[in-house]
Protein backbone atom coordinates (compact mmCIF):
# COMPACT_ATOMS: atom_id res chain seq x y z
CA MET A 1 -17.91 -19.69 -3.19
CA HIS A 2 -14.63 -19.15 -4.27
CA GLU A 3 -13.80 -18.95 -7.82
CA VAL A 4 -11.22 -21.49 -9.33
CA LYS A 5 -9.69 -21.05 -12.87
CA ASN A 6 -8.59 -23.76 -15.41
CA LYS A 7 -5.50 -23.27 -17.15
CA SER A 8 -7.10 -21.36 -20.26
CA GLU A 9 -8.59 -18.70 -18.02
CA ILE A 10 -5.26 -18.33 -16.14
CA VAL A 11 -3.39 -17.61 -19.43
CA TYR A 12 -5.93 -14.61 -20.19
CA ILE A 13 -5.70 -13.38 -16.56
CA LYS A 14 -2.14 -13.26 -17.09
CA GLN A 15 -2.26 -11.44 -20.38
CA ALA A 16 -4.49 -8.38 -18.06
CA CYS A 17 -2.05 -8.42 -15.37
CA GLY A 18 0.84 -8.21 -17.99
CA VAL A 19 -0.45 -4.91 -19.00
CA VAL A 20 -1.37 -3.37 -15.69
CA ALA A 21 2.49 -4.45 -14.33
CA ASP A 22 3.83 -2.56 -17.27
CA LEU A 23 1.22 0.19 -16.68
CA LEU A 24 2.58 0.71 -13.24
CA LEU A 25 5.92 0.79 -14.20
CA TYR A 26 5.10 3.36 -17.04
CA LEU A 27 3.23 5.55 -14.45
CA ARG A 28 5.88 5.08 -11.69
CA GLU A 29 8.70 6.55 -14.38
CA ILE A 30 6.40 9.66 -15.20
CA THR A 31 5.37 10.18 -11.88
CA LYS A 32 6.86 13.75 -10.40
CA PRO A 33 6.23 17.07 -8.75
CA GLY A 34 3.97 19.38 -11.05
CA ILE A 35 2.09 16.94 -12.86
CA THR A 36 -1.58 16.77 -12.38
CA THR A 37 -3.31 13.25 -10.94
CA LYS A 38 -5.97 13.94 -13.90
CA TRP A 39 -2.86 14.04 -16.45
CA LEU A 40 -1.59 10.73 -14.88
CA ASP A 41 -5.31 9.39 -15.73
CA THR A 42 -5.48 10.11 -19.35
CA LYS A 43 -2.09 8.85 -19.87
CA ALA A 44 -2.94 5.57 -17.97
CA GLU A 45 -6.09 5.08 -20.37
CA GLU A 46 -3.87 5.70 -23.29
CA PHE A 47 -1.46 3.22 -22.43
CA ILE A 48 -4.29 0.57 -21.58
CA ARG A 49 -6.03 1.19 -24.96
CA LYS A 50 -3.19 1.08 -26.87
CA ARG A 51 -2.27 -2.59 -25.60
CA GLY A 52 -6.08 -3.68 -26.73
CA SER A 53 -7.60 -3.46 -23.36
CA ILE A 54 -10.11 -1.62 -21.27
CA PRO A 55 -9.71 0.56 -18.07
CA ALA A 56 -11.45 -1.96 -15.72
CA PHE A 57 -12.40 1.03 -13.15
CA LYS A 58 -13.68 3.52 -15.71
CA ASN A 59 -17.60 3.67 -15.47
CA TYR A 60 -17.48 0.64 -12.85
CA ASN A 61 -20.18 1.42 -10.23
CA GLY A 62 -20.35 5.15 -11.29
CA PHE A 63 -16.41 5.49 -10.88
CA PRO A 64 -15.46 8.49 -13.54
CA SER A 65 -11.73 7.82 -14.16
CA SER A 66 -9.29 4.76 -15.46
CA ILE A 67 -7.15 4.92 -12.41
CA CYS A 68 -7.75 5.41 -8.72
CA THR A 69 -5.20 8.22 -7.44
CA SER A 70 -5.37 8.95 -3.64
CA VAL A 71 -2.76 11.13 -2.23
CA ASN A 72 -1.32 11.44 1.30
CA ALA A 73 -4.22 11.21 3.79
CA GLU A 74 -6.53 9.31 0.62
CA VAL A 75 -6.63 5.84 1.40
CA ILE A 76 -7.92 4.27 -1.68
CA HIS A 77 -10.59 5.44 -4.96
CA GLY A 78 -9.08 8.92 -4.91
CA ILE A 79 -10.67 10.61 -7.87
CA PRO A 80 -7.88 12.03 -10.58
CA SER A 81 -8.28 15.97 -10.80
CA SER A 82 -6.65 19.05 -11.51
CA TYR A 83 -4.38 18.57 -8.50
CA ARG A 84 -0.99 18.78 -9.09
CA LEU A 85 1.44 16.63 -7.26
CA ARG A 86 3.93 18.34 -4.87
CA GLU A 87 7.34 17.70 -3.64
CA GLY A 88 7.18 15.38 -0.44
CA ASP A 89 3.89 14.21 -1.36
CA ILE A 90 2.74 10.05 -1.42
CA LEU A 91 0.96 8.91 -4.65
CA SER A 92 -1.01 5.74 -4.21
CA ILE A 93 -2.11 4.44 -7.95
CA ASP A 94 -4.68 1.59 -8.22
CA VAL A 95 -5.21 0.07 -11.84
CA GLY A 96 -7.52 -2.22 -13.19
CA VAL A 97 -7.16 -3.88 -16.60
CA LYS A 98 -9.94 -5.98 -18.84
CA LYS A 99 -8.75 -7.82 -21.47
CA SER A 100 -10.16 -10.65 -23.26
CA GLY A 101 -12.56 -10.69 -20.85
CA TYR A 102 -10.78 -10.97 -18.01
CA TYR A 103 -8.92 -8.76 -15.40
CA GLY A 104 -5.94 -7.77 -13.47
CA ASP A 105 -5.37 -5.34 -10.52
CA ALA A 106 -2.69 -3.57 -8.80
CA ALA A 107 -1.77 -1.17 -6.98
CA VAL A 108 1.59 1.12 -5.68
CA THR A 109 2.37 3.76 -3.45
CA LEU A 110 4.78 6.23 -4.62
CA PRO A 111 7.03 9.03 -2.98
CA VAL A 112 6.83 12.28 -5.06
CA GLY A 113 10.00 13.73 -5.12
CA GLN A 114 12.04 13.55 -1.88
CA VAL A 115 9.73 12.87 0.87
CA GLN A 116 10.08 12.58 4.73
CA PRO A 117 11.93 9.09 6.14
CA LYS A 118 8.88 8.45 8.32
CA LEU A 119 6.63 8.48 4.84
CA LEU A 120 9.40 6.16 3.16
CA LYS A 121 8.98 3.99 6.33
CA LEU A 122 5.33 3.77 5.82
CA LEU A 123 5.76 2.53 2.35
CA SER A 124 8.36 0.30 3.03
CA ILE A 125 6.07 -1.58 5.99
CA THR A 126 3.34 -1.75 3.49
CA GLU A 127 5.00 -3.15 0.34
CA GLU A 128 6.99 -5.49 3.46
CA ALA A 129 3.12 -6.66 4.75
CA LEU A 130 2.01 -7.24 1.12
CA TYR A 131 4.85 -9.97 0.30
CA ALA A 132 4.37 -11.32 3.87
CA GLY A 133 0.51 -11.84 2.61
CA ILE A 134 1.65 -13.17 -0.43
CA GLU A 135 3.87 -15.83 0.76
CA ASN A 136 1.27 -17.49 2.99
CA ALA A 137 -1.46 -17.69 -0.60
CA CYS A 138 -0.47 -21.45 -0.64
CA ASN A 139 -2.57 -24.06 -1.59
CA SER A 140 -4.17 -25.87 1.54
CA ASN A 141 -3.25 -22.37 3.74
CA HIS A 142 -6.48 -20.33 4.56
CA ILE A 143 -7.06 -16.56 3.88
CA SER A 144 -6.44 -16.14 7.52
CA ASP A 145 -2.76 -17.23 7.13
CA ILE A 146 -2.70 -14.51 4.41
CA SER A 147 -4.64 -11.92 6.88
CA LYS A 148 -2.16 -12.57 9.86
CA ALA A 149 0.77 -12.31 8.10
CA ILE A 150 -0.36 -8.75 6.76
CA GLN A 151 -1.69 -7.48 10.25
CA ASP A 152 1.59 -9.28 11.89
CA THR A 153 3.95 -7.21 9.72
CA VAL A 154 2.29 -3.59 9.83
CA GLU A 155 1.88 -3.72 13.41
CA LYS A 156 5.63 -4.82 14.07
CA GLY A 157 6.48 -2.02 11.75
CA GLY A 158 4.08 0.57 14.51
CA PHE A 159 1.57 1.36 11.63
CA SER A 160 -2.43 0.28 11.61
CA VAL A 161 -4.32 -1.71 8.90
CA VAL A 162 -7.04 -0.54 7.46
CA ARG A 163 -10.39 -2.93 8.43
CA ASP A 164 -13.16 -1.24 6.07
CA PHE A 165 -11.90 -2.31 3.00
CA VAL A 166 -10.24 -5.95 1.99
CA GLY A 167 -8.76 -7.51 -0.95
CA HIS A 168 -10.74 -9.77 -2.84
CA GLY A 169 -10.74 -12.58 -5.46
CA VAL A 170 -10.27 -11.58 -9.23
CA GLY A 171 -10.23 -13.13 -12.77
CA ARG A 172 -13.43 -13.43 -14.38
CA LYS A 173 -14.58 -10.14 -12.34
CA LEU A 174 -12.92 -7.36 -11.00
CA HIS A 175 -14.10 -8.33 -7.48
CA GLU A 176 -14.95 -11.75 -6.60
CA GLU A 177 -15.35 -14.32 -3.39
CA PRO A 178 -13.61 -14.58 -1.31
CA PRO A 179 -12.88 -10.94 0.82
CA ILE A 180 -9.19 -11.22 1.85
CA PRO A 181 -9.00 -9.18 5.39
CA ASN A 182 -5.71 -7.34 6.12
CA TYR A 183 -6.41 -8.08 9.53
CA LYS A 184 -7.07 -11.43 11.83
CA THR A 185 -10.91 -12.32 12.20
CA PRO A 186 -12.55 -15.34 13.78
CA GLY A 187 -12.04 -18.49 12.20
CA ARG A 188 -9.62 -19.65 9.55
CA GLY A 189 -11.79 -18.38 6.48
CA PRO A 190 -11.79 -20.03 2.96
CA LEU A 191 -9.34 -23.00 2.66
CA LEU A 192 -6.75 -21.94 -0.40
CA VAL A 193 -6.95 -24.22 -3.13
CA SER A 194 -4.53 -24.33 -6.90
CA GLY A 195 -6.07 -22.20 -9.43
CA MET A 196 -7.63 -19.24 -7.17
CA THR A 197 -6.50 -15.84 -8.15
CA LEU A 198 -6.37 -13.25 -5.77
CA ALA A 199 -6.15 -9.52 -5.50
CA ILE A 200 -3.96 -9.24 -2.01
CA GLU A 201 -3.72 -5.38 -1.20
CA PRO A 202 -3.01 -3.98 2.32
CA MET A 203 -4.08 -0.66 3.25
CA VAL A 204 -1.78 0.86 5.85
CA ASN A 205 -2.42 4.00 7.80
CA MET A 206 0.42 5.87 9.71
CA GLY A 207 -2.06 6.71 12.51
CA SER A 208 -5.15 5.15 13.32
CA TYR A 209 -7.10 2.32 11.16
CA GLU A 210 -10.44 4.42 10.87
CA VAL A 211 -11.05 5.81 7.95
CA ILE A 212 -14.17 7.97 6.24
CA ILE A 213 -15.58 8.73 3.08
CA LYS A 214 -15.68 12.16 1.66
CA LYS A 215 -18.21 13.77 -0.15
CA ASP A 216 -17.76 12.74 -3.51
CA ASN A 217 -18.89 9.16 -1.97
CA TRP A 218 -15.50 7.89 -3.52
CA THR A 219 -12.20 8.97 -2.01
CA VAL A 220 -11.69 7.37 1.41
CA VAL A 221 -9.54 9.08 3.59
CA THR A 222 -8.18 8.53 6.99
CA LYS A 223 -10.28 9.79 9.96
CA ASP A 224 -7.26 11.44 11.98
CA GLY A 225 -5.71 12.93 8.45
CA GLU A 226 -2.50 10.70 8.82
CA PRO A 227 -1.00 9.60 5.58
CA SER A 228 -1.58 5.87 4.24
CA ALA A 229 -0.10 3.70 1.98
CA HIS A 230 -1.62 1.39 -0.75
CA PHE A 231 0.12 -2.08 -2.17
CA GLU A 232 -1.37 -4.36 -4.46
CA HIS A 233 -0.91 -7.44 -6.46
CA THR A 234 -2.66 -10.40 -7.93
CA VAL A 235 -1.47 -13.79 -7.32
CA LEU A 236 -1.99 -16.93 -8.54
CA VAL A 237 -2.31 -19.76 -5.85
CA GLY A 238 -0.44 -22.34 -7.89
CA GLU A 239 0.61 -25.59 -7.46
CA ASN A 240 4.19 -25.23 -6.42
CA GLY A 241 3.34 -21.79 -4.27
CA PRO A 242 2.09 -18.37 -5.02
CA GLU A 243 3.00 -16.67 -8.19
CA ILE A 244 2.77 -13.08 -8.67
CA LEU A 245 1.09 -12.16 -12.03
CA THR A 246 1.54 -8.19 -11.72
CA MET A 247 4.92 -8.19 -11.44
CA ASN A 248 7.44 -7.34 -14.40
């Protein structure tokens, strides 16, 4: 059962998403070689709370931090730590915010200093795939239209789409129906209707799509140790097309 939001709920979701968008812009500005991912997490929580909001990830199913920080071969759900970012790393930052009882969710993968051209291509194709998916988040389309657009973009770029984790509805809860695979599955999936709010989030690996979970039971890494990128926006299926809510 997918969740359709009314106009007043959408106003609240937009407020939460606005905090997410501003936070990611702030984290982009302060991410550089030499800082720890734990320091970023502290700064993120301070930012969220100053905006009268709550870090949606903190204590969610036991997750210990306010943001997810996934470095290089880490795909998603990386726990901020004493790791100091190095020149040439790539860092995926996933942010969730709760404000006035509603949620926003977004992610970005950043180059740390100067990075290899192949990594820049990975980031570029993953972000391109996100926007290809968003373009298909239209009234009367199906989830499969989003999934196909993402997978086609990724594979045309020479990379692979993670299959073990998918996008999701978001709004009243952090994770809602429907699941949004980033790859083609049998059937067309649920019909998209105006008022749905979706977290569309391609996770793209340089090598194989296979992933494993580390011993911390959170951090997802590529099985072959190759780098991975992750981009995400919360999107409203609007009357006149998709509207990105987590964009400045």
